[in-house]
């Protein structure tokens, strides 16, 4: 990445974090970067393109914090509660990441994160898949049931990449509730291997 592109991305991050996606325009970004508007288009095709770059980097940073702050060895129900608490506290205070639900940009974000190529290389997603699979094995869950449970995780990931509060009133409360009760069900009567 060129220094100018990095400078634009940092300026965009600062402006998006302050003003949000809708209220930011390209001239705000170039002004913050100390560049002409025409220079922007040498590095990015659109506001959507630079926002996606910024979002990916911001998301990786915050997801790494989540990995560090959650006690992944806690009892399953406590782990889920802690996961949602940390997740929501870090995301809801971040103006860039809250754009996930903004209909003006969410289709771009959702399309990116739902692609198979991105899923393979998305560290947080891979961490969750590995951590949950290992945890289920440690808890003595039968391998065939682990496979079924991980399919449900993939379904939840799919739903999260295709639906927001704008699509389904109460989504932000319903999804954690669904996951909490799903986890309770798994560990209420765990079939042994």
N, C-alpha and C. Protein backbone atom coordinates (compact mmCIF):
# COMPACT_ATOMS: atom_id res chain seq x y z
N UNK A 1 0.85 -1.18 0.00
CA UNK A 1 0.00 0.00 0.00
C UNK A 1 0.89 1.24 0.00
N UNK A 2 0.52 2.20 -0.83
CA UNK A 2 1.31 3.42 -0.92
C UNK A 2 1.09 4.28 0.31
N UNK A 3 2.02 5.18 0.56
CA UNK A 3 1.88 6.09 1.69
C UNK A 3 0.64 6.96 1.55
N UNK A 4 0.36 7.39 0.30
CA UNK A 4 -0.81 8.23 0.08
C UNK A 4 -2.10 7.46 0.35
N UNK A 5 -2.14 6.22 -0.07
CA UNK A 5 -3.33 5.41 0.18
C UNK A 5 -3.51 5.18 1.68
N UNK A 6 -2.42 4.90 2.36
CA UNK A 6 -2.48 4.71 3.82
C UNK A 6 -2.92 5.99 4.52
N UNK A 7 -2.44 7.12 4.03
CA UNK A 7 -2.82 8.42 4.60
C UNK A 7 -4.32 8.68 4.37
N UNK A 8 -4.80 8.34 3.18
CA UNK A 8 -6.23 8.49 2.90
C UNK A 8 -7.06 7.59 3.81
N UNK A 9 -6.63 6.35 3.95
CA UNK A 9 -7.39 5.42 4.79
C UNK A 9 -7.41 5.88 6.24
N UNK A 10 -6.29 6.37 6.76
CA UNK A 10 -6.28 6.86 8.14
C UNK A 10 -7.18 8.08 8.29
N UNK A 11 -7.13 8.98 7.31
CA UNK A 11 -8.01 10.16 7.35
C UNK A 11 -9.47 9.72 7.29
N UNK A 12 -9.76 8.75 6.43
CA UNK A 12 -11.14 8.25 6.32
C UNK A 12 -11.57 7.62 7.64
N UNK A 13 -10.69 6.86 8.26
CA UNK A 13 -11.03 6.24 9.54
C UNK A 13 -11.39 7.32 10.57
N UNK A 14 -10.58 8.35 10.62
CA UNK A 14 -10.83 9.44 11.58
C UNK A 14 -12.16 10.13 11.30
N UNK A 15 -12.44 10.41 10.04
CA UNK A 15 -13.68 11.12 9.69
C UNK A 15 -14.90 10.22 9.90
N UNK A 16 -14.82 8.98 9.44
CA UNK A 16 -15.95 8.06 9.64
C UNK A 16 -16.22 7.85 11.13
N UNK A 17 -15.18 7.76 11.93
CA UNK A 17 -15.34 7.56 13.37
C UNK A 17 -15.99 8.77 14.03
N UNK A 18 -15.76 9.93 13.46
CA UNK A 18 -16.34 11.16 14.01
C UNK A 18 -17.75 11.41 13.48
N UNK A 19 -17.93 11.27 12.17
CA UNK A 19 -19.19 11.70 11.53
C UNK A 19 -20.12 10.57 11.11
N UNK A 20 -19.61 9.35 11.04
CA UNK A 20 -20.40 8.25 10.53
C UNK A 20 -20.35 8.21 9.01
N UNK A 21 -20.89 7.14 8.46
CA UNK A 21 -20.80 6.92 7.01
C UNK A 21 -21.60 7.96 6.23
N UNK A 22 -22.87 8.11 6.59
CA UNK A 22 -23.77 8.97 5.81
C UNK A 22 -23.30 10.42 5.77
N UNK A 23 -22.81 10.92 6.88
CA UNK A 23 -22.44 12.34 6.97
C UNK A 23 -21.04 12.64 6.44
N UNK A 24 -20.33 11.62 6.04
CA UNK A 24 -18.97 11.82 5.51
C UNK A 24 -19.02 11.88 3.99
N UNK A 25 -18.28 12.83 3.44
CA UNK A 25 -18.13 12.83 1.98
C UNK A 25 -16.64 12.78 1.64
N UNK A 26 -16.36 12.52 0.40
CA UNK A 26 -14.97 12.34 -0.04
C UNK A 26 -14.13 13.58 0.24
N UNK A 27 -14.71 14.75 0.08
CA UNK A 27 -13.93 15.97 0.33
C UNK A 27 -13.54 16.08 1.81
N UNK A 28 -14.37 15.56 2.73
CA UNK A 28 -13.99 15.54 4.15
C UNK A 28 -12.72 14.69 4.35
N UNK A 29 -12.70 13.57 3.66
CA UNK A 29 -11.57 12.64 3.79
C UNK A 29 -10.30 13.26 3.20
N UNK A 30 -10.42 13.79 1.99
CA UNK A 30 -9.22 14.35 1.35
C UNK A 30 -8.72 15.60 2.09
N UNK A 31 -9.64 16.37 2.62
CA UNK A 31 -9.23 17.54 3.40
C UNK A 31 -8.45 17.09 4.64
N UNK A 32 -8.94 16.09 5.34
CA UNK A 32 -8.25 15.58 6.52
C UNK A 32 -6.88 15.02 6.15
N UNK A 33 -6.80 14.40 4.96
CA UNK A 33 -5.53 13.82 4.50
C UNK A 33 -4.59 14.86 3.90
N UNK A 34 -5.09 16.08 3.68
CA UNK A 34 -4.28 17.13 3.06
C UNK A 34 -4.00 16.85 1.60
N UNK A 35 -5.00 16.30 0.91
CA UNK A 35 -4.86 15.94 -0.50
C UNK A 35 -6.00 16.55 -1.31
N UNK A 36 -5.79 16.59 -2.61
CA UNK A 36 -6.85 17.04 -3.51
C UNK A 36 -7.85 15.91 -3.73
N UNK A 37 -9.11 16.28 -3.98
CA UNK A 37 -10.16 15.28 -4.21
C UNK A 37 -9.79 14.34 -5.35
N UNK A 38 -9.19 14.87 -6.39
CA UNK A 38 -8.78 14.03 -7.53
C UNK A 38 -7.81 12.93 -7.14
N UNK A 39 -6.99 13.17 -6.14
CA UNK A 39 -6.04 12.16 -5.67
C UNK A 39 -6.75 10.95 -5.08
N UNK A 40 -7.90 11.20 -4.51
CA UNK A 40 -8.68 10.11 -3.90
C UNK A 40 -8.92 8.99 -4.90
N UNK A 41 -9.33 9.37 -6.10
CA UNK A 41 -9.74 8.40 -7.11
C UNK A 41 -8.58 7.62 -7.73
N UNK A 42 -7.37 8.01 -7.43
CA UNK A 42 -6.21 7.22 -7.85
C UNK A 42 -6.06 5.98 -6.96
N UNK A 43 -6.69 6.03 -5.78
CA UNK A 43 -6.53 4.96 -4.80
C UNK A 43 -7.82 4.21 -4.49
N UNK A 44 -8.95 4.89 -4.60
CA UNK A 44 -10.24 4.28 -4.28
C UNK A 44 -11.27 4.69 -5.32
N UNK A 45 -12.14 3.76 -5.67
CA UNK A 45 -13.16 4.03 -6.68
C UNK A 45 -14.33 4.82 -6.12
N UNK A 46 -14.55 4.73 -4.79
CA UNK A 46 -15.74 5.34 -4.21
C UNK A 46 -15.62 5.47 -2.69
N UNK A 47 -16.56 6.15 -2.12
CA UNK A 47 -16.65 6.24 -0.66
C UNK A 47 -16.91 4.85 -0.08
N UNK A 48 -17.73 4.05 -0.77
CA UNK A 48 -18.01 2.69 -0.31
C UNK A 48 -16.73 1.85 -0.23
N UNK A 49 -15.88 2.01 -1.26
CA UNK A 49 -14.64 1.22 -1.30
C UNK A 49 -13.70 1.56 -0.15
N UNK A 50 -13.54 2.84 0.14
CA UNK A 50 -12.65 3.21 1.25
C UNK A 50 -13.29 2.85 2.58
N UNK A 51 -14.61 2.97 2.67
CA UNK A 51 -15.26 2.59 3.92
C UNK A 51 -15.06 1.10 4.18
N UNK A 52 -15.20 0.28 3.15
CA UNK A 52 -15.00 -1.16 3.32
C UNK A 52 -13.59 -1.44 3.83
N UNK A 53 -12.58 -0.78 3.27
CA UNK A 53 -11.21 -0.95 3.74
C UNK A 53 -11.09 -0.56 5.21
N UNK A 54 -11.66 0.57 5.56
CA UNK A 54 -11.61 1.06 6.94
C UNK A 54 -12.35 0.09 7.86
N UNK A 55 -13.52 -0.35 7.43
CA UNK A 55 -14.34 -1.25 8.25
C UNK A 55 -13.60 -2.56 8.51
N UNK A 56 -13.00 -3.13 7.49
CA UNK A 56 -12.28 -4.40 7.64
C UNK A 56 -11.17 -4.26 8.69
N UNK A 57 -10.41 -3.19 8.60
CA UNK A 57 -9.32 -2.98 9.55
C UNK A 57 -9.84 -2.72 10.97
N UNK A 58 -10.87 -1.91 11.07
CA UNK A 58 -11.46 -1.60 12.38
C UNK A 58 -12.05 -2.85 13.01
N UNK A 59 -12.75 -3.62 12.19
CA UNK A 59 -13.37 -4.85 12.67
C UNK A 59 -12.31 -5.82 13.18
N UNK A 60 -11.21 -5.97 12.46
CA UNK A 60 -10.13 -6.87 12.89
C UNK A 60 -9.56 -6.42 14.23
N UNK A 61 -9.38 -5.12 14.40
CA UNK A 61 -8.84 -4.59 15.66
C UNK A 61 -9.78 -4.87 16.82
N UNK A 62 -11.05 -4.59 16.63
CA UNK A 62 -12.03 -4.79 17.72
C UNK A 62 -12.23 -6.27 18.00
N UNK A 63 -12.28 -7.09 16.97
CA UNK A 63 -12.46 -8.54 17.18
C UNK A 63 -11.28 -9.13 17.94
N UNK A 64 -10.08 -8.62 17.68
CA UNK A 64 -8.91 -9.08 18.44
C UNK A 64 -9.07 -8.71 19.91
N UNK A 65 -9.59 -7.54 20.20
CA UNK A 65 -9.86 -7.14 21.59
C UNK A 65 -10.87 -8.07 22.23
N UNK A 66 -11.89 -8.47 21.48
CA UNK A 66 -12.89 -9.39 22.00
C UNK A 66 -12.23 -10.73 22.34
N UNK A 67 -11.39 -11.22 21.45
CA UNK A 67 -10.69 -12.48 21.71
C UNK A 67 -9.89 -12.38 23.00
N UNK A 68 -9.22 -11.25 23.21
CA UNK A 68 -8.38 -11.07 24.39
C UNK A 68 -9.19 -10.90 25.68
N UNK A 69 -10.38 -10.30 25.59
CA UNK A 69 -11.14 -9.96 26.79
C UNK A 69 -12.09 -11.05 27.28
N UNK A 70 -12.46 -11.97 26.42
CA UNK A 70 -13.40 -13.02 26.81
C UNK A 70 -12.63 -14.19 27.43
N UNK A 71 -13.18 -14.74 28.51
CA UNK A 71 -12.62 -15.94 29.12
C UNK A 71 -13.22 -17.15 28.40
N UNK A 72 -12.51 -17.69 27.44
CA UNK A 72 -13.01 -18.76 26.58
C UNK A 72 -13.11 -20.09 27.31
N UNK A 73 -12.60 -20.15 28.54
CA UNK A 73 -12.71 -21.38 29.33
C UNK A 73 -13.82 -21.32 30.37
N UNK A 74 -14.56 -20.22 30.39
CA UNK A 74 -15.68 -20.09 31.34
C UNK A 74 -16.74 -21.14 31.03
N UNK A 75 -17.64 -21.35 31.98
CA UNK A 75 -18.77 -22.25 31.75
C UNK A 75 -19.52 -21.74 30.52
N UNK A 76 -20.06 -22.63 29.71
CA UNK A 76 -20.67 -22.23 28.43
C UNK A 76 -21.67 -21.08 28.51
N UNK A 77 -22.60 -21.13 29.44
CA UNK A 77 -23.59 -20.07 29.54
C UNK A 77 -22.94 -18.74 29.94
N UNK A 78 -21.99 -18.80 30.87
CA UNK A 78 -21.29 -17.59 31.29
C UNK A 78 -20.43 -17.05 30.15
N UNK A 79 -19.83 -17.95 29.38
CA UNK A 79 -19.02 -17.55 28.24
C UNK A 79 -19.87 -16.78 27.23
N UNK A 80 -21.05 -17.29 26.92
CA UNK A 80 -21.93 -16.62 25.95
C UNK A 80 -22.34 -15.25 26.48
N UNK A 81 -22.69 -15.15 27.73
CA UNK A 81 -23.06 -13.85 28.32
C UNK A 81 -21.90 -12.87 28.23
N UNK A 82 -20.71 -13.35 28.59
CA UNK A 82 -19.53 -12.49 28.54
C UNK A 82 -19.22 -12.09 27.10
N UNK A 83 -19.33 -13.03 26.18
CA UNK A 83 -19.09 -12.75 24.77
C UNK A 83 -19.99 -11.62 24.28
N UNK A 84 -21.30 -11.72 24.57
CA UNK A 84 -22.21 -10.67 24.12
C UNK A 84 -21.93 -9.35 24.83
N UNK A 85 -21.63 -9.39 26.11
CA UNK A 85 -21.34 -8.16 26.85
C UNK A 85 -20.13 -7.44 26.25
N UNK A 86 -19.05 -8.16 26.04
CA UNK A 86 -17.82 -7.56 25.49
C UNK A 86 -18.08 -7.11 24.05
N UNK A 87 -18.70 -7.98 23.28
CA UNK A 87 -18.99 -7.69 21.88
C UNK A 87 -19.80 -6.39 21.75
N UNK A 88 -20.91 -6.32 22.46
CA UNK A 88 -21.77 -5.14 22.35
C UNK A 88 -21.09 -3.90 22.92
N UNK A 89 -20.36 -4.03 24.02
CA UNK A 89 -19.73 -2.83 24.59
C UNK A 89 -18.69 -2.25 23.64
N UNK A 90 -17.93 -3.10 22.96
CA UNK A 90 -16.91 -2.59 22.04
C UNK A 90 -17.51 -2.13 20.71
N UNK A 91 -18.52 -2.80 20.24
CA UNK A 91 -19.09 -2.44 18.94
C UNK A 91 -20.01 -1.22 19.04
N UNK A 92 -20.85 -1.19 20.06
CA UNK A 92 -21.82 -0.09 20.15
C UNK A 92 -21.17 1.26 20.40
N UNK A 93 -19.96 1.27 20.91
CA UNK A 93 -19.27 2.55 21.12
C UNK A 93 -18.41 2.92 19.91
N UNK A 94 -18.46 2.12 18.86
CA UNK A 94 -17.62 2.34 17.69
C UNK A 94 -18.49 2.75 16.51
N UNK A 95 -18.39 4.01 16.13
CA UNK A 95 -19.24 4.55 15.07
C UNK A 95 -19.02 3.88 13.72
N UNK A 96 -17.85 3.35 13.50
CA UNK A 96 -17.57 2.65 12.23
C UNK A 96 -18.27 1.30 12.23
N UNK A 97 -18.12 0.52 13.30
CA UNK A 97 -18.70 -0.82 13.32
C UNK A 97 -20.22 -0.82 13.44
N UNK A 98 -20.80 0.23 14.00
CA UNK A 98 -22.26 0.28 14.08
C UNK A 98 -22.89 0.48 12.71
N UNK A 99 -22.08 0.81 11.72
CA UNK A 99 -22.60 0.96 10.36
C UNK A 99 -23.01 -0.39 9.75
N UNK A 100 -22.69 -1.49 10.39
CA UNK A 100 -23.10 -2.82 9.94
C UNK A 100 -24.61 -2.86 9.66
N UNK A 101 -25.37 -2.10 10.43
CA UNK A 101 -26.83 -2.10 10.28
C UNK A 101 -27.36 -0.94 9.45
N UNK A 102 -26.49 -0.12 8.92
CA UNK A 102 -26.91 1.05 8.13
C UNK A 102 -27.24 0.60 6.71
N UNK A 103 -28.52 0.70 6.31
CA UNK A 103 -28.90 0.25 4.96
C UNK A 103 -28.14 0.92 3.82
N UNK A 104 -27.53 2.08 4.07
CA UNK A 104 -26.78 2.77 3.03
C UNK A 104 -25.47 2.05 2.68
N UNK A 105 -24.92 1.29 3.62
CA UNK A 105 -23.63 0.63 3.38
C UNK A 105 -23.66 -0.85 3.77
N UNK A 106 -24.62 -1.27 4.54
CA UNK A 106 -24.62 -2.66 5.02
C UNK A 106 -24.61 -3.70 3.90
N UNK A 107 -25.27 -3.50 2.76
CA UNK A 107 -25.18 -4.53 1.70
C UNK A 107 -23.73 -4.78 1.25
N UNK A 108 -22.93 -3.73 1.19
CA UNK A 108 -21.52 -3.88 0.80
C UNK A 108 -20.76 -4.67 1.86
N UNK A 109 -20.99 -4.35 3.12
CA UNK A 109 -20.32 -5.04 4.22
C UNK A 109 -20.76 -6.49 4.28
N UNK A 110 -22.05 -6.72 4.21
CA UNK A 110 -22.58 -8.08 4.31
C UNK A 110 -22.09 -8.95 3.16
N UNK A 111 -22.08 -8.40 1.96
CA UNK A 111 -21.60 -9.17 0.80
C UNK A 111 -20.13 -9.56 1.00
N UNK A 112 -19.34 -8.62 1.48
CA UNK A 112 -17.93 -8.91 1.71
C UNK A 112 -17.76 -10.04 2.72
N UNK A 113 -18.36 -9.90 3.90
CA UNK A 113 -18.14 -10.86 4.98
C UNK A 113 -18.83 -12.20 4.75
N UNK A 114 -19.80 -12.25 3.85
CA UNK A 114 -20.46 -13.53 3.58
C UNK A 114 -19.78 -14.33 2.48
N UNK A 115 -18.81 -13.76 1.80
CA UNK A 115 -18.13 -14.50 0.73
C UNK A 115 -17.30 -15.64 1.34
N UNK A 116 -17.28 -16.76 0.64
CA UNK A 116 -16.54 -17.93 1.13
C UNK A 116 -15.05 -17.62 1.28
N UNK A 117 -14.50 -16.86 0.36
CA UNK A 117 -13.08 -16.52 0.41
C UNK A 117 -12.75 -15.72 1.67
N UNK A 118 -13.60 -14.74 1.99
CA UNK A 118 -13.37 -13.93 3.19
C UNK A 118 -13.54 -14.78 4.43
N UNK A 119 -14.57 -15.63 4.47
CA UNK A 119 -14.78 -16.49 5.64
C UNK A 119 -13.56 -17.36 5.93
N UNK A 120 -12.91 -17.86 4.88
CA UNK A 120 -11.72 -18.70 5.06
C UNK A 120 -10.57 -17.92 5.69
N UNK A 121 -10.51 -16.62 5.39
CA UNK A 121 -9.39 -15.79 5.86
C UNK A 121 -9.76 -14.82 6.98
N UNK A 122 -10.98 -14.90 7.45
CA UNK A 122 -11.46 -14.00 8.50
C UNK A 122 -11.04 -14.58 9.85
N UNK A 123 -10.02 -14.01 10.44
CA UNK A 123 -9.42 -14.56 11.66
C UNK A 123 -10.44 -14.77 12.78
N UNK A 124 -11.33 -13.82 12.99
CA UNK A 124 -12.28 -13.94 14.09
C UNK A 124 -13.24 -15.11 13.85
N UNK A 125 -13.73 -15.22 12.63
CA UNK A 125 -14.62 -16.34 12.29
C UNK A 125 -13.89 -17.67 12.49
N UNK A 126 -12.68 -17.76 12.00
CA UNK A 126 -11.92 -19.00 12.14
C UNK A 126 -11.62 -19.30 13.61
N UNK A 127 -11.32 -18.27 14.38
CA UNK A 127 -11.09 -18.44 15.81
C UNK A 127 -12.33 -19.02 16.48
N UNK A 128 -13.50 -18.48 16.17
CA UNK A 128 -14.73 -18.98 16.78
C UNK A 128 -15.01 -20.43 16.37
N UNK A 129 -14.85 -20.74 15.11
CA UNK A 129 -15.08 -22.11 14.64
C UNK A 129 -14.16 -23.08 15.39
N UNK A 130 -12.87 -22.76 15.44
CA UNK A 130 -11.91 -23.64 16.11
C UNK A 130 -12.16 -23.72 17.61
N UNK A 131 -12.40 -22.58 18.23
CA UNK A 131 -12.61 -22.54 19.68
C UNK A 131 -13.87 -23.30 20.07
N UNK A 132 -14.96 -23.07 19.35
CA UNK A 132 -16.21 -23.75 19.69
C UNK A 132 -16.11 -25.26 19.43
N UNK A 133 -15.48 -25.64 18.33
CA UNK A 133 -15.31 -27.07 18.03
C UNK A 133 -14.48 -27.76 19.11
N UNK A 134 -13.37 -27.14 19.48
CA UNK A 134 -12.51 -27.71 20.53
C UNK A 134 -13.25 -27.78 21.86
N UNK A 135 -13.98 -26.73 22.17
CA UNK A 135 -14.71 -26.70 23.44
C UNK A 135 -15.77 -27.80 23.50
N UNK A 136 -16.46 -28.01 22.40
CA UNK A 136 -17.48 -29.06 22.35
C UNK A 136 -16.83 -30.43 22.52
N UNK A 137 -15.66 -30.63 21.93
CA UNK A 137 -14.93 -31.88 22.10
C UNK A 137 -14.53 -32.08 23.56
N UNK A 138 -14.02 -31.01 24.17
CA UNK A 138 -13.61 -31.08 25.58
C UNK A 138 -14.79 -31.41 26.49
N UNK A 139 -15.97 -30.94 26.11
CA UNK A 139 -17.17 -31.19 26.92
C UNK A 139 -17.74 -32.58 26.68
N UNK A 140 -17.12 -33.34 25.78
CA UNK A 140 -17.56 -34.71 25.55
C UNK A 140 -18.74 -34.85 24.60
N UNK A 141 -18.99 -33.83 23.80
CA UNK A 141 -20.07 -33.89 22.82
C UNK A 141 -19.65 -34.86 21.70
N UNK A 142 -20.58 -35.69 21.26
CA UNK A 142 -20.31 -36.66 20.20
C UNK A 142 -19.92 -35.95 18.90
N UNK A 143 -18.94 -36.50 18.16
CA UNK A 143 -18.47 -35.85 16.93
C UNK A 143 -19.57 -35.55 15.91
N UNK A 144 -20.52 -36.44 15.72
CA UNK A 144 -21.59 -36.17 14.75
C UNK A 144 -22.46 -35.01 15.21
N UNK A 145 -22.66 -34.88 16.52
CA UNK A 145 -23.43 -33.76 17.04
C UNK A 145 -22.64 -32.46 16.94
N UNK A 146 -21.33 -32.52 17.13
CA UNK A 146 -20.49 -31.32 16.95
C UNK A 146 -20.64 -30.81 15.53
N UNK A 147 -20.64 -31.70 14.58
CA UNK A 147 -20.80 -31.30 13.18
C UNK A 147 -22.15 -30.60 12.97
N UNK A 148 -23.20 -31.13 13.56
CA UNK A 148 -24.52 -30.50 13.46
C UNK A 148 -24.54 -29.13 14.13
N UNK A 149 -23.92 -29.04 15.29
CA UNK A 149 -23.88 -27.78 16.03
C UNK A 149 -23.11 -26.73 15.23
N UNK A 150 -22.02 -27.13 14.61
CA UNK A 150 -21.23 -26.18 13.82
C UNK A 150 -21.98 -25.75 12.56
N UNK A 151 -22.86 -26.60 12.05
CA UNK A 151 -23.73 -26.19 10.94
C UNK A 151 -24.69 -25.09 11.41
N UNK A 152 -25.17 -25.21 12.63
CA UNK A 152 -26.04 -24.16 13.18
C UNK A 152 -25.24 -22.86 13.32
N UNK A 153 -23.99 -22.97 13.78
CA UNK A 153 -23.14 -21.77 13.85
C UNK A 153 -23.03 -21.12 12.46
N UNK A 154 -22.79 -21.93 11.44
CA UNK A 154 -22.68 -21.40 10.07
C UNK A 154 -23.99 -20.73 9.65
N UNK A 155 -25.11 -21.30 10.05
CA UNK A 155 -26.42 -20.68 9.76
C UNK A 155 -26.54 -19.33 10.46
N UNK A 156 -26.13 -19.26 11.71
CA UNK A 156 -26.18 -17.99 12.45
C UNK A 156 -25.28 -16.94 11.79
N UNK A 157 -24.11 -17.37 11.35
CA UNK A 157 -23.20 -16.46 10.64
C UNK A 157 -23.87 -15.96 9.36
N UNK A 158 -24.50 -16.87 8.63
CA UNK A 158 -25.20 -16.50 7.40
C UNK A 158 -26.31 -15.48 7.69
N UNK A 159 -27.11 -15.76 8.69
CA UNK A 159 -28.20 -14.84 9.05
C UNK A 159 -27.63 -13.48 9.42
N UNK A 160 -26.56 -13.47 10.19
CA UNK A 160 -25.96 -12.20 10.61
C UNK A 160 -25.41 -11.41 9.43
N UNK A 161 -25.01 -12.10 8.37
CA UNK A 161 -24.50 -11.42 7.17
C UNK A 161 -25.61 -11.00 6.21
N UNK A 162 -26.83 -11.36 6.51
CA UNK A 162 -27.92 -11.06 5.58
C UNK A 162 -29.11 -10.35 6.24
N UNK A 163 -29.03 -10.11 7.52
CA UNK A 163 -30.16 -9.52 8.21
C UNK A 163 -29.67 -8.53 9.27
N UNK A 164 -30.43 -7.46 9.45
CA UNK A 164 -30.12 -6.49 10.50
C UNK A 164 -31.41 -6.07 11.17
N UNK A 165 -31.29 -5.20 12.11
CA UNK A 165 -32.45 -4.63 12.79
C UNK A 165 -33.40 -3.97 11.78
N UNK A 166 -32.86 -3.41 10.71
CA UNK A 166 -33.68 -2.77 9.67
C UNK A 166 -34.56 -3.79 8.94
N UNK A 167 -34.10 -5.05 8.89
CA UNK A 167 -34.85 -6.11 8.20
C UNK A 167 -35.86 -6.80 9.12
N UNK A 168 -35.55 -6.84 10.39
CA UNK A 168 -36.37 -7.58 11.35
C UNK A 168 -36.36 -6.83 12.68
N UNK A 169 -37.45 -6.20 12.99
CA UNK A 169 -37.53 -5.44 14.25
C UNK A 169 -37.28 -6.38 15.42
N UNK A 170 -36.34 -6.02 16.26
CA UNK A 170 -35.99 -6.83 17.42
C UNK A 170 -34.85 -7.81 17.15
N UNK A 171 -34.27 -7.75 15.97
CA UNK A 171 -33.17 -8.67 15.61
C UNK A 171 -32.03 -8.61 16.62
N UNK A 172 -31.65 -7.40 17.02
CA UNK A 172 -30.50 -7.25 17.92
C UNK A 172 -30.72 -7.89 19.29
N UNK A 173 -31.95 -8.09 19.68
CA UNK A 173 -32.25 -8.79 20.93
C UNK A 173 -32.53 -10.26 20.66
N UNK A 174 -33.17 -10.56 19.53
CA UNK A 174 -33.57 -11.93 19.22
C UNK A 174 -32.38 -12.85 18.96
N UNK A 175 -31.39 -12.37 18.25
CA UNK A 175 -30.24 -13.22 17.92
C UNK A 175 -29.51 -13.68 19.18
N UNK A 176 -29.14 -12.78 20.10
CA UNK A 176 -28.48 -13.26 21.33
C UNK A 176 -29.37 -14.20 22.14
N UNK A 177 -30.67 -13.93 22.17
CA UNK A 177 -31.59 -14.81 22.90
C UNK A 177 -31.59 -16.21 22.28
N UNK A 178 -31.68 -16.27 20.97
CA UNK A 178 -31.64 -17.55 20.27
C UNK A 178 -30.35 -18.30 20.60
N UNK A 179 -29.24 -17.62 20.57
CA UNK A 179 -27.94 -18.26 20.83
C UNK A 179 -27.85 -18.73 22.28
N UNK A 180 -28.32 -17.89 23.21
CA UNK A 180 -28.28 -18.28 24.63
C UNK A 180 -29.04 -19.58 24.86
N UNK A 181 -30.24 -19.66 24.33
CA UNK A 181 -31.06 -20.85 24.55
C UNK A 181 -30.54 -22.05 23.77
N UNK A 182 -29.94 -21.82 22.64
CA UNK A 182 -29.31 -22.90 21.89
C UNK A 182 -28.17 -23.50 22.71
N UNK A 183 -27.32 -22.64 23.28
CA UNK A 183 -26.21 -23.12 24.10
C UNK A 183 -26.72 -23.84 25.34
N UNK A 184 -27.74 -23.30 25.99
CA UNK A 184 -28.33 -23.98 27.16
C UNK A 184 -28.80 -25.37 26.77
N UNK A 185 -29.43 -25.47 25.62
CA UNK A 185 -29.93 -26.77 25.16
C UNK A 185 -28.81 -27.76 24.89
N UNK A 186 -27.73 -27.29 24.33
CA UNK A 186 -26.60 -28.18 24.04
C UNK A 186 -26.06 -28.79 25.32
N UNK A 187 -25.90 -27.96 26.33
CA UNK A 187 -25.25 -28.43 27.54
C UNK A 187 -26.21 -28.96 28.60
N UNK A 188 -27.50 -28.87 28.36
CA UNK A 188 -28.48 -29.39 29.31
C UNK A 188 -28.47 -30.91 29.29
N UNK A 189 -28.30 -31.48 28.13
CA UNK A 189 -28.34 -32.95 28.00
C UNK A 189 -27.34 -33.33 26.91
N UNK A 190 -26.07 -33.22 27.24
CA UNK A 190 -25.05 -33.45 26.22
C UNK A 190 -24.81 -34.95 26.00
N UNK A 191 -25.05 -35.41 24.77
CA UNK A 191 -24.76 -36.81 24.45
C UNK A 191 -23.25 -37.06 24.50
N UNK A 192 -22.87 -38.12 25.13
CA UNK A 192 -21.45 -38.45 25.25
C UNK A 192 -20.96 -39.19 24.02
N UNK A 193 -19.65 -39.04 23.75
CA UNK A 193 -19.08 -39.75 22.61
C UNK A 193 -18.78 -41.19 22.97
